[in-house]
N, C-alpha and C. Protein backbone atom coordinates (compact mmCIF):
# COMPACT_ATOMS: atom_id res chain seq x y z
N MET A 1 106.13 74.62 152.94
CA MET A 1 106.91 75.83 153.16
C MET A 1 108.40 75.56 153.16
N PHE A 2 108.73 74.33 153.46
CA PHE A 2 110.14 73.97 153.49
C PHE A 2 110.49 73.09 152.30
N ASP A 3 110.33 73.65 151.14
CA ASP A 3 110.60 72.89 149.92
C ASP A 3 111.99 73.15 149.37
N GLY A 4 112.76 73.90 150.07
CA GLY A 4 114.14 74.16 149.67
C GLY A 4 114.26 75.04 148.43
N GLY A 5 113.26 75.86 148.15
CA GLY A 5 113.30 76.76 147.02
C GLY A 5 112.85 76.13 145.71
N ALA A 6 112.27 74.95 145.76
CA ALA A 6 111.83 74.26 144.54
C ALA A 6 110.71 75.03 143.85
N LEU A 7 109.79 75.58 144.62
CA LEU A 7 108.69 76.34 144.02
C LEU A 7 109.21 77.60 143.33
N GLN A 8 110.17 78.24 143.98
CA GLN A 8 110.74 79.46 143.38
C GLN A 8 111.48 79.10 142.09
N ALA A 9 112.17 77.98 142.07
CA ALA A 9 112.89 77.54 140.88
C ALA A 9 111.91 77.21 139.76
N GLN A 10 110.78 76.59 140.12
CA GLN A 10 109.76 76.29 139.11
C GLN A 10 109.16 77.57 138.54
N LEU A 11 108.94 78.55 139.42
CA LEU A 11 108.41 79.84 138.98
C LEU A 11 109.40 80.55 138.07
N ASP A 12 110.67 80.53 138.44
CA ASP A 12 111.69 81.16 137.62
C ASP A 12 111.79 80.47 136.25
N SER A 13 111.70 79.15 136.25
CA SER A 13 111.74 78.39 135.01
C SER A 13 110.54 78.72 134.12
N ALA A 14 109.36 78.81 134.72
CA ALA A 14 108.16 79.15 133.96
C ALA A 14 108.26 80.56 133.38
N ASN A 15 108.80 81.49 134.16
CA ASN A 15 108.98 82.86 133.66
C ASN A 15 109.97 82.89 132.50
N ALA A 16 111.04 82.13 132.60
CA ALA A 16 112.04 82.08 131.53
C ALA A 16 111.42 81.47 130.26
N ASP A 17 110.61 80.42 130.44
CA ASP A 17 109.94 79.82 129.29
C ASP A 17 108.98 80.82 128.64
N GLN A 18 108.28 81.59 129.47
CA GLN A 18 107.35 82.58 128.94
C GLN A 18 108.10 83.66 128.16
N GLU A 19 109.21 84.13 128.70
CA GLU A 19 110.00 85.15 128.01
C GLU A 19 110.56 84.61 126.69
N ALA A 20 110.97 83.35 126.68
CA ALA A 20 111.47 82.74 125.45
C ALA A 20 110.35 82.64 124.42
N ALA A 21 109.15 82.28 124.87
CA ALA A 21 108.01 82.17 123.95
C ALA A 21 107.66 83.54 123.36
N VAL A 22 107.69 84.58 124.19
CA VAL A 22 107.41 85.94 123.71
C VAL A 22 108.47 86.37 122.70
N ALA A 23 109.72 86.06 122.97
CA ALA A 23 110.79 86.42 122.04
C ALA A 23 110.63 85.67 120.71
N ALA A 24 110.29 84.39 120.79
CA ALA A 24 110.09 83.60 119.56
C ALA A 24 108.92 84.14 118.76
N TYR A 25 107.86 84.53 119.45
CA TYR A 25 106.70 85.10 118.78
C TYR A 25 107.08 86.41 118.08
N GLY A 26 107.85 87.24 118.79
CA GLY A 26 108.30 88.50 118.20
C GLY A 26 109.14 88.28 116.95
N LEU A 27 110.02 87.29 116.99
CA LEU A 27 110.83 86.97 115.81
C LEU A 27 109.96 86.47 114.66
N ALA A 28 108.94 85.69 114.98
CA ALA A 28 108.04 85.18 113.94
C ALA A 28 107.27 86.33 113.30
N VAL A 29 106.80 87.27 114.11
CA VAL A 29 106.07 88.42 113.59
C VAL A 29 106.98 89.28 112.71
N LEU A 30 108.21 89.52 113.18
CA LEU A 30 109.15 90.31 112.37
C LEU A 30 109.47 89.61 111.06
N GLY A 31 109.63 88.29 111.10
CA GLY A 31 109.89 87.54 109.88
C GLY A 31 108.73 87.64 108.90
N ALA A 32 107.51 87.56 109.41
CA ALA A 32 106.33 87.66 108.55
C ALA A 32 106.22 89.06 107.94
N LEU A 33 106.49 90.08 108.74
CA LEU A 33 106.43 91.45 108.22
C LEU A 33 107.51 91.68 107.17
N GLU A 34 108.68 91.11 107.39
CA GLU A 34 109.76 91.24 106.41
C GLU A 34 109.37 90.54 105.10
N GLU A 35 108.74 89.39 105.22
CA GLU A 35 108.30 88.66 104.03
C GLU A 35 107.26 89.45 103.24
N VAL A 36 106.32 90.06 103.93
CA VAL A 36 105.28 90.87 103.27
C VAL A 36 105.91 92.10 102.63
N GLU A 37 106.80 92.76 103.36
CA GLU A 37 107.46 93.95 102.82
C GLU A 37 108.27 93.61 101.56
N GLY A 38 108.97 92.49 101.60
CA GLY A 38 109.73 92.06 100.43
C GLY A 38 108.82 91.76 99.25
N ALA A 39 107.70 91.13 99.51
CA ALA A 39 106.76 90.80 98.44
C ALA A 39 106.17 92.07 97.83
N LEU A 40 105.85 93.04 98.64
CA LEU A 40 105.31 94.30 98.13
C LEU A 40 106.35 95.06 97.30
N THR A 41 107.58 95.05 97.77
CA THR A 41 108.65 95.71 97.03
C THR A 41 108.88 95.02 95.69
N ASN A 42 108.91 93.69 95.72
CA ASN A 42 109.10 92.95 94.47
C ASN A 42 107.96 93.20 93.49
N ASP A 43 106.74 93.31 94.00
CA ASP A 43 105.60 93.57 93.12
C ASP A 43 105.75 94.92 92.43
N ALA A 44 106.20 95.92 93.17
CA ALA A 44 106.40 97.24 92.58
C ALA A 44 107.51 97.20 91.51
N LEU A 45 108.58 96.49 91.79
CA LEU A 45 109.67 96.38 90.83
C LEU A 45 109.23 95.62 89.58
N LEU A 46 108.46 94.57 89.78
CA LEU A 46 107.96 93.81 88.63
C LEU A 46 107.03 94.66 87.78
N ALA A 47 106.20 95.47 88.40
CA ALA A 47 105.30 96.35 87.64
C ALA A 47 106.10 97.32 86.77
N GLU A 48 107.19 97.82 87.31
CA GLU A 48 108.04 98.72 86.53
C GLU A 48 108.69 97.99 85.36
N ARG A 49 109.16 96.77 85.61
CA ARG A 49 109.77 95.99 84.54
C ARG A 49 108.73 95.65 83.46
N ILE A 50 107.52 95.37 83.87
CA ILE A 50 106.46 95.06 82.91
C ILE A 50 106.22 96.25 81.99
N TYR A 51 106.20 97.43 82.57
CA TYR A 51 106.00 98.64 81.78
C TYR A 51 107.07 98.76 80.69
N PHE A 52 108.34 98.59 81.08
CA PHE A 52 109.42 98.75 80.12
C PHE A 52 109.46 97.60 79.10
N LEU A 53 109.16 96.40 79.55
CA LEU A 53 109.14 95.28 78.60
C LEU A 53 108.00 95.41 77.60
N ASN A 54 106.87 95.93 78.05
CA ASN A 54 105.77 96.18 77.13
C ASN A 54 106.18 97.19 76.07
N ALA A 55 106.88 98.23 76.49
CA ALA A 55 107.37 99.22 75.53
C ALA A 55 108.35 98.57 74.55
N ALA A 56 109.18 97.66 75.04
CA ALA A 56 110.12 96.96 74.16
C ALA A 56 109.38 96.10 73.15
N VAL A 57 108.32 95.45 73.58
CA VAL A 57 107.52 94.64 72.65
C VAL A 57 106.92 95.52 71.56
N VAL A 58 106.33 96.63 71.97
CA VAL A 58 105.71 97.54 70.99
C VAL A 58 106.76 98.07 70.02
N ASN A 59 107.90 98.51 70.53
CA ASN A 59 108.95 99.07 69.67
C ASN A 59 109.52 98.01 68.73
N ASN A 60 109.71 96.80 69.23
CA ASN A 60 110.23 95.74 68.37
C ASN A 60 109.21 95.34 67.31
N ARG A 61 107.94 95.39 67.65
CA ARG A 61 106.90 95.09 66.65
C ARG A 61 106.91 96.15 65.56
N LEU A 62 107.02 97.41 65.96
CA LEU A 62 107.08 98.48 64.97
C LEU A 62 108.32 98.34 64.07
N ALA A 63 109.44 97.97 64.68
CA ALA A 63 110.67 97.77 63.90
C ALA A 63 110.51 96.59 62.95
N TYR A 64 109.87 95.54 63.40
CA TYR A 64 109.63 94.38 62.53
C TYR A 64 108.71 94.76 61.36
N ASP A 65 107.64 95.50 61.66
CA ASP A 65 106.73 95.94 60.60
C ASP A 65 107.47 96.79 59.56
N LEU A 66 108.30 97.68 60.06
CA LEU A 66 109.08 98.54 59.15
C LEU A 66 110.07 97.70 58.34
N SER A 67 110.68 96.73 58.99
CA SER A 67 111.62 95.85 58.27
C SER A 67 110.90 95.04 57.20
N THR A 68 109.67 94.62 57.50
CA THR A 68 108.88 93.89 56.51
C THR A 68 108.66 94.74 55.26
N LYS A 69 108.35 96.00 55.48
CA LYS A 69 108.15 96.92 54.34
C LYS A 69 109.45 97.09 53.54
N HIS A 70 110.55 97.22 54.27
CA HIS A 70 111.85 97.36 53.59
C HIS A 70 112.20 96.09 52.83
N TYR A 71 111.87 94.96 53.39
CA TYR A 71 112.14 93.69 52.71
C TYR A 71 111.29 93.56 51.44
N ASN A 72 110.03 93.96 51.55
CA ASN A 72 109.12 93.84 50.41
C ASN A 72 109.56 94.69 49.22
N VAL A 73 110.23 95.80 49.50
CA VAL A 73 110.71 96.64 48.38
C VAL A 73 112.17 96.35 48.05
N GLY A 74 112.75 95.36 48.70
CA GLY A 74 114.11 94.93 48.36
C GLY A 74 115.22 95.72 49.01
N GLU A 75 114.95 96.50 50.04
CA GLU A 75 116.00 97.30 50.69
C GLU A 75 116.83 96.50 51.69
N ILE A 76 116.26 95.42 52.24
CA ILE A 76 117.02 94.57 53.16
C ILE A 76 116.83 93.11 52.75
N ASP A 77 117.73 92.27 53.26
CA ASP A 77 117.64 90.85 52.91
C ASP A 77 116.79 90.10 53.94
N LEU A 78 116.52 88.84 53.64
CA LEU A 78 115.67 88.01 54.49
C LEU A 78 116.29 87.82 55.88
N LEU A 79 117.60 87.70 55.95
CA LEU A 79 118.26 87.50 57.24
C LEU A 79 117.99 88.68 58.18
N SER A 80 118.08 89.87 57.66
CA SER A 80 117.81 91.06 58.47
C SER A 80 116.36 91.07 58.96
N LEU A 81 115.46 90.69 58.07
CA LEU A 81 114.05 90.63 58.46
C LEU A 81 113.84 89.60 59.57
N LEU A 82 114.46 88.43 59.42
CA LEU A 82 114.31 87.38 60.42
C LEU A 82 114.95 87.77 61.75
N GLN A 83 116.03 88.52 61.72
CA GLN A 83 116.65 89.00 62.95
C GLN A 83 115.71 89.96 63.70
N MET A 84 115.04 90.82 62.95
CA MET A 84 114.08 91.74 63.58
C MET A 84 112.91 90.96 64.17
N GLN A 85 112.45 89.95 63.43
CA GLN A 85 111.37 89.11 63.94
C GLN A 85 111.81 88.38 65.22
N SER A 86 113.04 87.92 65.24
CA SER A 86 113.57 87.23 66.41
C SER A 86 113.63 88.16 67.62
N ARG A 87 114.02 89.40 67.40
CA ARG A 87 114.05 90.38 68.50
C ARG A 87 112.65 90.63 69.05
N TRP A 88 111.70 90.73 68.15
CA TRP A 88 110.31 90.96 68.58
C TRP A 88 109.80 89.77 69.39
N ILE A 89 110.06 88.56 68.90
CA ILE A 89 109.62 87.37 69.62
C ILE A 89 110.31 87.26 70.97
N ALA A 90 111.60 87.57 71.03
CA ALA A 90 112.33 87.53 72.30
C ALA A 90 111.76 88.54 73.30
N ALA A 91 111.40 89.71 72.81
CA ALA A 91 110.80 90.72 73.69
C ALA A 91 109.45 90.23 74.22
N ARG A 92 108.66 89.61 73.36
CA ARG A 92 107.36 89.07 73.80
C ARG A 92 107.55 87.96 74.82
N MET A 93 108.56 87.12 74.61
CA MET A 93 108.83 86.05 75.57
C MET A 93 109.23 86.62 76.93
N SER A 94 110.07 87.63 76.92
CA SER A 94 110.48 88.28 78.17
C SER A 94 109.28 88.89 78.88
N TYR A 95 108.41 89.50 78.10
CA TYR A 95 107.21 90.12 78.66
C TYR A 95 106.31 89.07 79.31
N ILE A 96 106.09 87.97 78.63
CA ILE A 96 105.26 86.90 79.18
C ILE A 96 105.91 86.30 80.43
N HIS A 97 107.22 86.14 80.39
CA HIS A 97 107.95 85.60 81.55
C HIS A 97 107.78 86.50 82.77
N ILE A 98 107.87 87.79 82.57
CA ILE A 98 107.75 88.71 83.70
C ILE A 98 106.32 88.76 84.22
N LEU A 99 105.34 88.59 83.33
CA LEU A 99 103.96 88.51 83.79
C LEU A 99 103.76 87.28 84.67
N ASN A 100 104.37 86.16 84.28
CA ASN A 100 104.30 84.96 85.10
C ASN A 100 104.98 85.17 86.45
N GLU A 101 106.10 85.86 86.45
CA GLU A 101 106.79 86.17 87.72
C GLU A 101 105.89 87.03 88.61
N GLN A 102 105.20 87.98 88.01
CA GLN A 102 104.32 88.84 88.80
C GLN A 102 103.19 88.02 89.42
N LEU A 103 102.62 87.10 88.66
CA LEU A 103 101.55 86.26 89.21
C LEU A 103 102.08 85.40 90.36
N ALA A 104 103.25 84.82 90.19
CA ALA A 104 103.84 84.01 91.26
C ALA A 104 104.12 84.87 92.49
N GLN A 105 104.59 86.09 92.26
CA GLN A 105 104.88 86.99 93.38
C GLN A 105 103.60 87.36 94.12
N ARG A 106 102.53 87.57 93.40
CA ARG A 106 101.26 87.90 94.05
C ARG A 106 100.71 86.72 94.83
N ILE A 107 100.94 85.52 94.35
CA ILE A 107 100.55 84.33 95.11
C ILE A 107 101.36 84.28 96.40
N ASN A 108 102.66 84.54 96.31
CA ASN A 108 103.51 84.56 97.51
C ASN A 108 103.05 85.62 98.50
N LEU A 109 102.66 86.78 98.00
CA LEU A 109 102.16 87.84 98.87
C LEU A 109 100.86 87.40 99.54
N HIS A 110 99.97 86.78 98.77
CA HIS A 110 98.71 86.29 99.32
C HIS A 110 98.98 85.30 100.45
N LEU A 111 99.93 84.40 100.24
CA LEU A 111 100.25 83.41 101.27
C LEU A 111 100.93 84.08 102.46
N ALA A 112 101.80 85.05 102.22
CA ALA A 112 102.49 85.74 103.31
C ALA A 112 101.51 86.51 104.19
N LEU A 113 100.41 86.96 103.58
CA LEU A 113 99.40 87.68 104.35
C LEU A 113 98.43 86.73 105.06
N GLY A 114 98.69 85.44 104.93
CA GLY A 114 97.84 84.48 105.65
C GLY A 114 96.74 83.91 104.80
N GLY A 115 96.75 84.17 103.51
CA GLY A 115 95.72 83.64 102.63
C GLY A 115 95.91 82.16 102.38
N SER A 116 94.90 81.56 101.81
CA SER A 116 94.99 80.15 101.45
C SER A 116 94.34 79.95 100.10
N PHE A 117 94.36 78.73 99.63
CA PHE A 117 93.74 78.41 98.36
C PHE A 117 92.52 77.52 98.53
N GLU A 118 92.07 77.42 99.75
CA GLU A 118 90.87 76.63 100.00
C GLU A 118 89.65 77.41 99.53
N SER A 119 88.66 76.68 99.07
CA SER A 119 87.44 77.30 98.59
C SER A 119 86.68 77.94 99.75
N LEU A 120 86.09 79.09 99.50
CA LEU A 120 85.32 79.77 100.55
C LEU A 120 83.98 79.10 100.76
N THR A 121 83.49 78.39 99.77
CA THR A 121 82.21 77.70 99.91
C THR A 121 82.47 76.23 100.19
N GLU A 122 81.63 75.65 100.97
CA GLU A 122 81.78 74.24 101.27
C GLU A 122 81.09 73.41 100.21
N SER A 123 81.67 72.29 99.89
CA SER A 123 81.10 71.40 98.86
C SER A 123 79.94 70.63 99.40
């Protein structure tokens, strides 16, 4: 009973540690939610970019096909045809790049939601 307030100090210290742990947990939860929200937003933006890049691929392919016809009848030179082909290939490369970004983003979302890459079945 005559401990000079040592027990009260220990109790106060334990309470402060508990409050710090609760605050740290809250920050961790907020960080995780922010990460998931960012991943979902990025996925939506990537889907929109994929739509437009796909349209660019289709339009550049049509332009290349038309240029091929013009080249075959002598209306344009080979350089013009090759420039159209280069635009089409560049559009396809951009499209493939954005698809890869989307896959990476979905992996990040899976991990942010607590997923793993371990097999569900045991060997």
